[in-house]
PDB file of all heavy atoms in Angstrom:
ATOM      1  N   ALA A   1      -5.313  18.370 -12.326  1.00  0.00           N
ATOM      2  CA  ALA A   1      -4.617  17.724 -11.213  1.00  0.00           C
ATOM      3  C   ALA A   1      -3.784  16.578 -11.758  1.00  0.00           C
ATOM      4  O   ALA A   1      -3.925  16.187 -12.931  1.00  0.00           O
ATOM      5  CB  ALA A   1      -5.619  17.212 -10.173  1.00  0.00           C
ATOM      6  N   ILE A   2      -2.909  16.043 -10.926  1.00  0.00           N
ATOM      7  CA  ILE A   2      -2.095  14.906 -11.333  1.00  0.00           C
ATOM      8  C   ILE A   2      -2.128  13.835 -10.248  1.00  0.00           C
ATOM      9  O   ILE A   2      -2.362  14.109  -9.077  1.00  0.00           O
ATOM     10  CB  ILE A   2      -0.629  15.289 -11.637  1.00  0.00           C
ATOM     11  CG1 ILE A   2       0.023  15.952 -10.415  1.00  0.00           C
ATOM     12  CG2 ILE A   2      -0.538  16.182 -12.847  1.00  0.00           C
ATOM     13  CD1 ILE A   2       1.488  16.274 -10.635  1.00  0.00           C
ATOM     14  N   THR A   3      -1.869  12.621 -10.689  1.00  0.00           N
ATOM     15  CA  THR A   3      -1.763  11.481  -9.784  1.00  0.00           C
ATOM     16  C   THR A   3      -0.856  10.456 -10.440  1.00  0.00           C
ATOM     17  O   THR A   3      -0.590  10.530 -11.652  1.00  0.00           O
ATOM     18  CB  THR A   3      -3.138  10.875  -9.484  1.00  0.00           C
ATOM     19  OG1 THR A   3      -2.986   9.809  -8.522  1.00  0.00           O
ATOM     20  CG2 THR A   3      -3.778  10.307 -10.734  1.00  0.00           C
ATOM     21  N   ARG A   4      -0.419   9.500  -9.663  1.00  0.00           N
ATOM     22  CA  ARG A   4       0.468   8.483 -10.220  1.00  0.00           C
ATOM     23  C   ARG A   4      -0.261   7.544 -11.179  1.00  0.00           C
ATOM     24  O   ARG A   4       0.299   7.107 -12.176  1.00  0.00           O
ATOM     25  CB  ARG A   4       1.108   7.680  -9.077  1.00  0.00           C
ATOM     26  CG  ARG A   4       1.939   6.486  -9.529  1.00  0.00           C
ATOM     27  CD  ARG A   4       3.114   6.907 -10.403  1.00  0.00           C
ATOM     28  NE  ARG A   4       3.771   5.758 -10.994  1.00  0.00           N
ATOM     29  CZ  ARG A   4       3.442   5.206 -12.152  1.00  0.00           C
ATOM     30  NH1 ARG A   4       2.439   5.695 -12.862  1.00  0.00           N
ATOM     31  NH2 ARG A   4       4.089   4.160 -12.624  1.00  0.00           N
ATOM     32  N   ALA A   5      -1.524   7.236 -10.903  1.00  0.00           N
ATOM     33  CA  ALA A   5      -2.272   6.316 -11.770  1.00  0.00           C
ATOM     34  C   ALA A   5      -3.754   6.636 -11.639  1.00  0.00           C
ATOM     35  O   ALA A   5      -4.294   6.598 -10.537  1.00  0.00           O
ATOM     36  CB  ALA A   5      -1.998   4.854 -11.398  1.00  0.00           C
ATOM     37  N   VAL A   6      -4.389   6.953 -12.757  1.00  0.00           N
ATOM     38  CA  VAL A   6      -5.812   7.283 -12.728  1.00  0.00           C
ATOM     39  C   VAL A   6      -6.647   6.012 -12.580  1.00  0.00           C
ATOM     40  O   VAL A   6      -6.201   4.917 -12.937  1.00  0.00           O
ATOM     41  CB  VAL A   6      -6.238   8.017 -14.019  1.00  0.00           C
ATOM     42  CG1 VAL A   6      -5.611   9.388 -14.090  1.00  0.00           C
ATOM     43  CG2 VAL A   6      -5.915   7.190 -15.253  1.00  0.00           C
ATOM     44  N   PRO A   7      -7.863   6.141 -12.049  1.00  0.00           N
ATOM     45  CA  PRO A   7      -8.757   4.981 -11.991  1.00  0.00           C
ATOM     46  C   PRO A   7      -9.003   4.409 -13.379  1.00  0.00           C
ATOM     47  O   PRO A   7      -9.073   5.145 -14.362  1.00  0.00           O
ATOM     48  CB  PRO A   7     -10.047   5.565 -11.397  1.00  0.00           C
ATOM     49  CG  PRO A   7      -9.605   6.775 -10.644  1.00  0.00           C
ATOM     50  CD  PRO A   7      -8.447   7.328 -11.414  1.00  0.00           C
ATOM     51  N   PHE A   8      -9.095   3.088 -13.453  1.00  0.00           N
ATOM     52  CA  PHE A   8      -9.378   2.348 -14.681  1.00  0.00           C
ATOM     53  C   PHE A   8      -8.228   2.412 -15.691  1.00  0.00           C
ATOM     54  O   PHE A   8      -8.378   1.972 -16.827  1.00  0.00           O
ATOM     55  CB  PHE A   8     -10.672   2.842 -15.350  1.00  0.00           C
ATOM     56  CG  PHE A   8     -11.862   2.817 -14.441  1.00  0.00           C
ATOM     57  CD1 PHE A   8     -12.295   3.970 -13.822  1.00  0.00           C
ATOM     58  CD2 PHE A   8     -12.524   1.640 -14.182  1.00  0.00           C
ATOM     59  CE1 PHE A   8     -13.375   3.953 -12.954  1.00  0.00           C
ATOM     60  CE2 PHE A   8     -13.608   1.604 -13.329  1.00  0.00           C
ATOM     61  CZ  PHE A   8     -14.028   2.765 -12.718  1.00  0.00           C
ATOM     62  N   GLY A   9      -7.093   2.984 -15.284  1.00  0.00           N
ATOM     63  CA  GLY A   9      -5.946   3.022 -16.171  1.00  0.00           C
ATOM     64  C   GLY A   9      -5.239   1.682 -16.240  1.00  0.00           C
ATOM     65  O   GLY A   9      -5.531   0.763 -15.455  1.00  0.00           O
ATOM     66  N   PRO A  10      -4.276   1.549 -17.157  1.00  0.00           N
ATOM     67  CA  PRO A  10      -3.592   0.263 -17.322  1.00  0.00           C
ATOM     68  C   PRO A  10      -2.618  -0.065 -16.203  1.00  0.00           C
ATOM     69  O   PRO A  10      -2.182  -1.211 -16.076  1.00  0.00           O
ATOM     70  CB  PRO A  10      -2.854   0.439 -18.654  1.00  0.00           C
ATOM     71  CG  PRO A  10      -2.640   1.917 -18.769  1.00  0.00           C
ATOM     72  CD  PRO A  10      -3.826   2.566 -18.123  1.00  0.00           C
ATOM     73  N   GLU A  11      -2.249   0.930 -15.393  1.00  0.00           N
ATOM     74  CA  GLU A  11      -1.265   0.695 -14.340  1.00  0.00           C
ATOM     75  C   GLU A  11      -1.844   1.070 -12.989  1.00  0.00           C
ATOM     76  O   GLU A  11      -2.399   2.161 -12.825  1.00  0.00           O
ATOM     77  CB  GLU A  11       0.006   1.514 -14.596  1.00  0.00           C
ATOM     78  CG  GLU A  11       0.708   1.164 -15.908  1.00  0.00           C
ATOM     79  CD  GLU A  11       1.878   2.087 -16.184  1.00  0.00           C
ATOM     80  OE1 GLU A  11       2.037   3.059 -15.422  1.00  0.00           O
ATOM     81  OE2 GLU A  11       2.616   1.827 -17.143  1.00  0.00           O
ATOM     82  N   GLN A  12      -1.747   0.181 -12.043  1.00  0.00           N
ATOM     83  CA  GLN A  12      -2.162   0.448 -10.674  1.00  0.00           C
ATOM     84  C   GLN A  12      -0.989   0.083  -9.763  1.00  0.00           C
ATOM     85  O   GLN A  12      -0.363  -0.963  -9.944  1.00  0.00           O
ATOM     86  CB  GLN A  12      -3.412  -0.366 -10.303  1.00  0.00           C
ATOM     87  CG  GLN A  12      -4.591  -0.178 -11.247  1.00  0.00           C
ATOM     88  CD  GLN A  12      -5.119   1.244 -11.273  1.00  0.00           C
ATOM     89  OE1 GLN A  12      -5.091   1.945 -10.267  1.00  0.00           O
ATOM     90  NE2 GLN A  12      -5.594   1.678 -12.438  1.00  0.00           N
ATOM     91  N   GLU A  13      -0.667   0.955  -8.831  1.00  0.00           N
ATOM     92  CA  GLU A  13       0.516   0.756  -7.984  1.00  0.00           C
ATOM     93  C   GLU A  13       0.110   0.466  -6.545  1.00  0.00           C
ATOM     94  O   GLU A  13      -0.754   1.150  -5.994  1.00  0.00           O
ATOM     95  CB  GLU A  13       1.406   2.000  -8.040  1.00  0.00           C
ATOM     96  CG  GLU A  13       2.718   1.829  -7.299  1.00  0.00           C
ATOM     97  CD  GLU A  13       3.659   3.007  -7.509  1.00  0.00           C
ATOM     98  OE1 GLU A  13       3.358   3.832  -8.392  1.00  0.00           O
ATOM     99  OE2 GLU A  13       4.667   3.095  -6.789  1.00  0.00           O
ATOM    100  N   ARG A  14       0.728  -0.552  -5.945  1.00  0.00           N
ATOM    101  CA  ARG A  14       0.434  -0.922  -4.564  1.00  0.00           C
ATOM    102  C   ARG A  14       1.650  -0.686  -3.679  1.00  0.00           C
ATOM    103  O   ARG A  14       2.786  -0.590  -4.161  1.00  0.00           O
ATOM    104  CB  ARG A  14       0.016  -2.392  -4.469  1.00  0.00           C
ATOM    105  CG  ARG A  14      -1.356  -2.660  -5.060  1.00  0.00           C
ATOM    106  CD  ARG A  14      -1.778  -4.093  -4.824  1.00  0.00           C
ATOM    107  NE  ARG A  14      -1.877  -4.451  -3.416  1.00  0.00           N
ATOM    108  CZ  ARG A  14      -2.900  -4.134  -2.622  1.00  0.00           C
ATOM    109  NH1 ARG A  14      -3.916  -3.450  -3.104  1.00  0.00           N
ATOM    110  NH2 ARG A  14      -2.925  -4.514  -1.361  1.00  0.00           N
ATOM    111  N   THR A  15       1.382  -0.587  -2.400  1.00  0.00           N
ATOM    112  CA  THR A  15       2.457  -0.472  -1.429  1.00  0.00           C
ATOM    113  C   THR A  15       2.073  -1.296  -0.205  1.00  0.00           C
ATOM    114  O   THR A  15       0.896  -1.591   0.024  1.00  0.00           O
ATOM    115  CB  THR A  15       2.694   1.001  -1.024  1.00  0.00           C
ATOM    116  OG1 THR A  15       3.925   1.102  -0.316  1.00  0.00           O
ATOM    117  CG2 THR A  15       1.564   1.530  -0.140  1.00  0.00           C
ATOM    118  N   TYR A  16       3.067  -1.676   0.567  1.00  0.00           N
ATOM    119  CA  TYR A  16       2.834  -2.405   1.817  1.00  0.00           C
ATOM    120  C   TYR A  16       3.315  -1.537   2.968  1.00  0.00           C
ATOM    121  O   TYR A  16       4.317  -0.815   2.845  1.00  0.00           O
ATOM    122  CB  TYR A  16       3.550  -3.754   1.784  1.00  0.00           C
ATOM    123  CG  TYR A  16       2.987  -4.667   0.727  1.00  0.00           C
ATOM    124  CD1 TYR A  16       3.588  -4.782  -0.514  1.00  0.00           C
ATOM    125  CD2 TYR A  16       1.818  -5.380   0.963  1.00  0.00           C
ATOM    126  CE1 TYR A  16       3.050  -5.593  -1.499  1.00  0.00           C
ATOM    127  CE2 TYR A  16       1.264  -6.193  -0.016  1.00  0.00           C
ATOM    128  CZ  TYR A  16       1.888  -6.291  -1.243  1.00  0.00           C
ATOM    129  OH  TYR A  16       1.335  -7.089  -2.216  1.00  0.00           O
ATOM    130  N   PHE A  17       2.599  -1.573   4.067  1.00  0.00           N
ATOM    131  CA  PHE A  17       2.865  -0.616   5.136  1.00  0.00           C
ATOM    132  C   PHE A  17       2.636  -1.241   6.503  1.00  0.00           C
ATOM    133  O   PHE A  17       2.099  -2.351   6.629  1.00  0.00           O
ATOM    134  CB  PHE A  17       1.956   0.608   4.978  1.00  0.00           C
ATOM    135  CG  PHE A  17       0.485   0.300   5.128  1.00  0.00           C
ATOM    136  CD1 PHE A  17      -0.143   0.364   6.366  1.00  0.00           C
ATOM    137  CD2 PHE A  17      -0.281  -0.054   4.018  1.00  0.00           C
ATOM    138  CE1 PHE A  17      -1.494   0.075   6.509  1.00  0.00           C
ATOM    139  CE2 PHE A  17      -1.640  -0.335   4.156  1.00  0.00           C
ATOM    140  CZ  PHE A  17      -2.243  -0.278   5.400  1.00  0.00           C
ATOM    141  N   SER A  18       3.043  -0.507   7.513  1.00  0.00           N
ATOM    142  CA  SER A  18       2.712  -0.836   8.898  1.00  0.00           C
ATOM    143  C   SER A  18       2.202   0.428   9.560  1.00  0.00           C
ATOM    144  O   SER A  18       2.307   1.526   9.002  1.00  0.00           O
ATOM    145  CB  SER A  18       3.933  -1.396   9.638  1.00  0.00           C
ATOM    146  OG  SER A  18       4.984  -0.439   9.653  1.00  0.00           O
ATOM    147  N   ILE A  19       1.632   0.290  10.724  1.00  0.00           N
ATOM    148  CA  ILE A  19       1.048   1.429  11.427  1.00  0.00           C
ATOM    149  C   ILE A  19       1.862   1.696  12.684  1.00  0.00           C
ATOM    150  O   ILE A  19       2.085   0.795  13.497  1.00  0.00           O
ATOM    151  CB  ILE A  19      -0.424   1.153  11.780  1.00  0.00           C
ATOM    152  CG1 ILE A  19      -1.224   0.904  10.491  1.00  0.00           C
ATOM    153  CG2 ILE A  19      -1.024   2.310  12.569  1.00  0.00           C
ATOM    154  CD1 ILE A  19      -2.641   0.425  10.737  1.00  0.00           C
ATOM    155  N   GLU A  20       2.327   2.927  12.802  1.00  0.00           N
ATOM    156  CA  GLU A  20       3.160   3.296  13.952  1.00  0.00           C
ATOM    157  C   GLU A  20       2.394   3.085  15.256  1.00  0.00           C
ATOM    158  O   GLU A  20       1.218   3.440  15.368  1.00  0.00           O
ATOM    159  CB  GLU A  20       3.577   4.766  13.822  1.00  0.00           C
ATOM    160  CG  GLU A  20       4.609   5.198  14.845  1.00  0.00           C
ATOM    161  CD  GLU A  20       5.046   6.636  14.622  1.00  0.00           C
ATOM    162  OE1 GLU A  20       4.234   7.537  14.939  1.00  0.00           O
ATOM    163  OE2 GLU A  20       6.159   6.863  14.129  1.00  0.00           O
ATOM    164  N   GLY A  21       3.076   2.475  16.229  1.00  0.00           N
ATOM    165  CA  GLY A  21       2.461   2.246  17.529  1.00  0.00           C
ATOM    166  C   GLY A  21       1.750   0.912  17.646  1.00  0.00           C
ATOM    167  O   GLY A  21       1.302   0.551  18.741  1.00  0.00           O
ATOM    168  N   ARG A  22       1.624   0.191  16.543  1.00  0.00           N
ATOM    169  CA  ARG A  22       0.981  -1.120  16.587  1.00  0.00           C
ATOM    170  C   ARG A  22       2.039  -2.200  16.809  1.00  0.00           C
ATOM    171  O   ARG A  22       3.222  -2.017  16.461  1.00  0.00           O
ATOM    172  CB  ARG A  22       0.254  -1.402  15.265  1.00  0.00           C
ATOM    173  CG  ARG A  22      -0.891  -0.442  14.969  1.00  0.00           C
ATOM    174  CD  ARG A  22      -2.190  -0.901  15.585  1.00  0.00           C
ATOM    175  NE  ARG A  22      -3.279   0.028  15.328  1.00  0.00           N
ATOM    176  CZ  ARG A  22      -4.089  -0.022  14.280  1.00  0.00           C
ATOM    177  NH1 ARG A  22      -3.933  -0.976  13.381  1.00  0.00           N
ATOM    178  NH2 ARG A  22      -5.059   0.858  14.147  1.00  0.00           N
ATOM    179  N   PRO A  23       1.663  -3.349  17.376  1.00  0.00           N
ATOM    180  CA  PRO A  23       2.626  -4.452  17.540  1.00  0.00           C
ATOM    181  C   PRO A  23       3.189  -4.868  16.180  1.00  0.00           C
ATOM    182  O   PRO A  23       2.524  -4.733  15.148  1.00  0.00           O
ATOM    183  CB  PRO A  23       1.767  -5.570  18.154  1.00  0.00           C
ATOM    184  CG  PRO A  23       0.600  -4.870  18.776  1.00  0.00           C
ATOM    185  CD  PRO A  23       0.335  -3.675  17.920  1.00  0.00           C
ATOM    186  N   PRO A  24       4.418  -5.367  16.170  1.00  0.00           N
ATOM    187  CA  PRO A  24       5.007  -5.822  14.905  1.00  0.00           C
ATOM    188  C   PRO A  24       4.130  -6.881  14.242  1.00  0.00           C
ATOM    189  O   PRO A  24       3.478  -7.683  14.915  1.00  0.00           O
ATOM    190  CB  PRO A  24       6.361  -6.405  15.330  1.00  0.00           C
ATOM    191  CG  PRO A  24       6.657  -5.754  16.638  1.00  0.00           C
ATOM    192  CD  PRO A  24       5.335  -5.540  17.306  1.00  0.00           C
ATOM    193  N   LEU A  25       4.119  -6.860  12.908  1.00  0.00           N
ATOM    194  CA  LEU A  25       3.317  -7.823  12.169  1.00  0.00           C
ATOM    195  C   LEU A  25       3.910  -9.218  12.295  1.00  0.00           C
ATOM    196  O   LEU A  25       5.127  -9.380  12.443  1.00  0.00           O
ATOM    197  CB  LEU A  25       3.256  -7.427  10.691  1.00  0.00           C
ATOM    198  CG  LEU A  25       2.601  -6.072  10.387  1.00  0.00           C
ATOM    199  CD1 LEU A  25       2.710  -5.773   8.895  1.00  0.00           C
ATOM    200  CD2 LEU A  25       1.145  -6.066  10.816  1.00  0.00           C
ATOM    201  N   ALA A  26       3.045 -10.211  12.241  1.00  0.00           N
ATOM    202  CA  ALA A  26       3.512 -11.596  12.277  1.00  0.00           C
ATOM    203  C   ALA A  26       4.320 -11.895  11.022  1.00  0.00           C
ATOM    204  O   ALA A  26       4.181 -11.226   9.996  1.00  0.00           O
ATOM    205  CB  ALA A  26       2.314 -12.540  12.381  1.00  0.00           C
ATOM    206  N   LYS A  27       5.164 -12.884  11.110  1.00  0.00           N
ATOM    207  CA  LYS A  27       6.002 -13.253   9.975  1.00  0.00           C
ATOM    208  C   LYS A  27       5.131 -13.622   8.775  1.00  0.00           C
ATOM    209  O   LYS A  27       4.211 -14.430   8.871  1.00  0.00           O
ATOM    210  CB  LYS A  27       6.897 -14.442  10.352  1.00  0.00           C
ATOM    211  CG  LYS A  27       7.903 -14.800   9.260  1.00  0.00           C
ATOM    212  CD  LYS A  27       8.820 -15.924   9.715  1.00  0.00           C
ATOM    213  CE  LYS A  27       9.839 -16.254   8.624  1.00  0.00           C
ATOM    214  NZ  LYS A  27      10.752 -17.360   9.040  1.00  0.00           N
ATOM    215  N   GLY A  28       5.405 -12.989   7.654  1.00  0.00           N
ATOM    216  CA  GLY A  28       4.637 -13.256   6.438  1.00  0.00           C
ATOM    217  C   GLY A  28       3.396 -12.398   6.288  1.00  0.00           C
ATOM    218  O   GLY A  28       2.765 -12.383   5.239  1.00  0.00           O
ATOM    219  N   GLU A  29       3.024 -11.645   7.341  1.00  0.00           N
ATOM    220  CA  GLU A  29       1.833 -10.790   7.261  1.00  0.00           C
ATOM    221  C   GLU A  29       2.209  -9.430   6.694  1.00  0.00           C
ATOM    222  O   GLU A  29       3.220  -8.833   7.060  1.00  0.00           O
ATOM    223  CB  GLU A  29       1.223 -10.616   8.652  1.00  0.00           C
ATOM    224  CG  GLU A  29      -0.052  -9.767   8.645  1.00  0.00           C
ATOM    225  CD  GLU A  29      -0.606  -9.532  10.031  1.00  0.00           C
ATOM    226  OE1 GLU A  29       0.051  -9.982  11.003  1.00  0.00           O
ATOM    227  OE2 GLU A  29      -1.662  -8.904  10.147  1.00  0.00           O
ATOM    228  N   ARG A  30       1.375  -8.920   5.776  1.00  0.00           N
ATOM    229  CA  ARG A  30       1.621  -7.607   5.181  1.00  0.00           C
ATOM    230  C   ARG A  30       0.302  -6.860   5.037  1.00  0.00           C
ATOM    231  O   ARG A  30      -0.707  -7.434   4.656  1.00  0.00           O
ATOM    232  CB  ARG A  30       2.294  -7.743   3.816  1.00  0.00           C
ATOM    233  CG  ARG A  30       3.680  -8.354   3.855  1.00  0.00           C
ATOM    234  CD  ARG A  30       4.431  -8.142   2.566  1.00  0.00           C
ATOM    235  NE  ARG A  30       3.794  -8.794   1.432  1.00  0.00           N
ATOM    236  CZ  ARG A  30       4.255  -8.742   0.181  1.00  0.00           C
ATOM    237  NH1 ARG A  30       5.357  -8.042  -0.077  1.00  0.00           N
ATOM    238  NH2 ARG A  30       3.632  -9.358  -0.790  1.00  0.00           N
ATOM    239  N   LEU A  31       0.332  -5.564   5.333  1.00  0.00           N
ATOM    240  CA  LEU A  31      -0.831  -4.711   5.113  1.00  0.00           C
ATOM    241  C   LEU A  31      -0.630  -4.013   3.768  1.00  0.00           C
ATOM    242  O   LEU A  31       0.399  -3.380   3.545  1.00  0.00           O
ATOM    243  CB  LEU A  31      -0.968  -3.676   6.234  1.00  0.00           C
ATOM    244  CG  LEU A  31      -0.923  -4.213   7.670  1.00  0.00           C
ATOM    245  CD1 LEU A  31      -1.096  -3.070   8.661  1.00  0.00           C
ATOM    246  CD2 LEU A  31      -1.972  -5.280   7.877  1.00  0.00           C
TER     247      LEU A  31
END
């Protein structure tokens, strides 16, 4: 199988998101 970054590897990638149907996030807030 393949993935972008395996566990315990040197590179870990993050993303920030919102959830459809939820109120807009407050200024400066990120999920």
